[in-house]
Amino acid sequence: MTWSNLGGGDHAGDSWNIANGTTISGIHYNITTVTVDSGNTVYVAQGTVLEIHAETINMQGTIYGESRGYLGGKIDGDWGQGP
């Protein structure tokens, strides 16, 4: 396997049906079809980047990323903490 849920990577043209409750991050590419089934919720890992590059995205469920990204704005005189 050349990819992982948290690390991303090349899916070798395969489809990816993301299971309910899975936490994902990274840059995922070379995917035929990405599916999140109805009623399922997939979570974005805290403080990470998520990119999905696919020919088809079948989004019937939810990818939940609220408050999961890098801190933004000015904190104690310093700007955000993203890459």
Protein backbone atom coordinates (compact mmCIF):
# COMPACT_ATOMS: atom_id res chain seq x y z
CA MET A 1 0.00 0.00 0.00
CA THR A 2 1.40 3.36 -1.00
CA TRP A 3 -1.02 5.50 1.02
CA SER A 4 -2.52 5.73 4.50
CA ASN A 5 -5.59 7.41 6.03
CA LEU A 6 -3.44 9.89 7.95
CA GLY A 7 -0.46 10.22 5.61
CA GLY A 8 -2.17 10.46 2.22
CA GLY A 9 -0.38 9.25 -0.92
CA ASP A 10 -0.96 7.56 -4.27
CA HIS A 11 -4.10 5.37 -4.35
CA ALA A 12 -2.93 3.73 -7.62
CA GLY A 13 -6.19 4.46 -9.43
CA ASP A 14 -8.30 2.54 -6.89
CA SER A 15 -11.60 3.72 -5.43
CA TRP A 16 -11.72 4.74 -1.77
CA ASN A 17 -14.85 4.19 0.30
CA ILE A 18 -14.08 5.97 3.58
CA ALA A 19 -15.63 4.14 6.54
CA ASN A 20 -17.78 5.85 9.16
CA GLY A 21 -15.72 7.33 12.01
CA THR A 22 -12.41 7.28 10.10
CA THR A 23 -9.97 10.15 10.73
CA ILE A 24 -8.10 11.31 7.61
CA SER A 25 -5.42 13.83 6.63
CA GLY A 26 -2.70 14.33 4.04
CA ILE A 27 -2.77 14.68 0.27
CA HIS A 28 -4.62 11.77 -1.38
CA TYR A 29 -4.35 11.47 -5.17
CA ASN A 30 -4.77 9.16 -8.19
CA ILE A 31 -8.20 8.00 -6.95
CA THR A 32 -10.96 6.83 -9.28
CA THR A 33 -13.91 7.43 -6.92
CA VAL A 34 -14.03 8.65 -3.31
CA THR A 35 -17.21 7.79 -1.42
CA VAL A 36 -18.58 8.76 1.98
CA ASP A 37 -21.87 6.89 2.37
CA SER A 38 -25.10 8.46 3.59
CA GLY A 39 -25.22 8.79 7.37
CA ASN A 40 -21.43 8.39 7.72
CA THR A 41 -19.12 11.02 9.19
CA VAL A 42 -15.40 11.17 8.41
CA TYR A 43 -13.15 13.41 10.51
CA VAL A 44 -10.19 15.58 9.51
CA ALA A 45 -7.21 15.14 11.86
CA GLN A 46 -6.48 18.14 14.08
CA GLY A 47 -3.84 20.61 12.81
CA THR A 48 -3.31 18.89 9.45
CA VAL A 49 -3.87 19.44 5.75
CA LEU A 50 -6.43 17.45 3.76
CA GLU A 51 -6.56 17.32 -0.04
CA ILE A 52 -8.43 14.72 -2.07
CA HIS A 53 -7.81 14.46 -5.82
CA ALA A 54 -10.24 12.05 -7.53
CA GLU A 55 -12.03 11.62 -10.84
CA THR A 56 -15.36 11.34 -8.99
CA ILE A 57 -16.37 12.32 -5.45
CA ASN A 58 -19.57 10.69 -4.18
CA MET A 59 -20.37 12.66 -1.02
CA GLN A 60 -23.55 11.38 0.60
CA GLY A 61 -22.26 11.71 4.18
CA THR A 62 -20.12 14.31 5.95
CA ILE A 63 -16.43 15.22 6.12
CA TYR A 64 -16.20 17.05 9.45
CA GLY A 65 -13.36 19.53 9.77
CA GLU A 66 -14.75 22.23 12.06
CA SER A 67 -12.01 23.62 14.33
CA ARG A 68 -9.58 21.00 12.98
CA GLY A 69 -7.20 23.27 11.04
CA TYR A 70 -4.29 25.37 12.16
CA LEU A 71 -4.92 28.22 14.54
CA GLY A 72 -5.40 31.50 12.74
CA GLY A 73 -5.51 35.16 13.57
CA LYS A 74 -3.26 36.92 16.01
CA ILE A 75 -2.41 35.04 19.21
CA ASP A 76 -0.19 36.69 21.83
CA GLY A 77 1.17 39.04 19.15
CA ASP A 78 2.01 36.25 16.65
CA TRP A 79 0.05 35.36 13.53
CA GLY A 80 -1.45 31.86 13.02
CA GLN A 81 0.35 28.56 13.29
CA GLY A 82 -0.16 27.01 9.85
CA PRO A 83 2.56 25.69 7.55
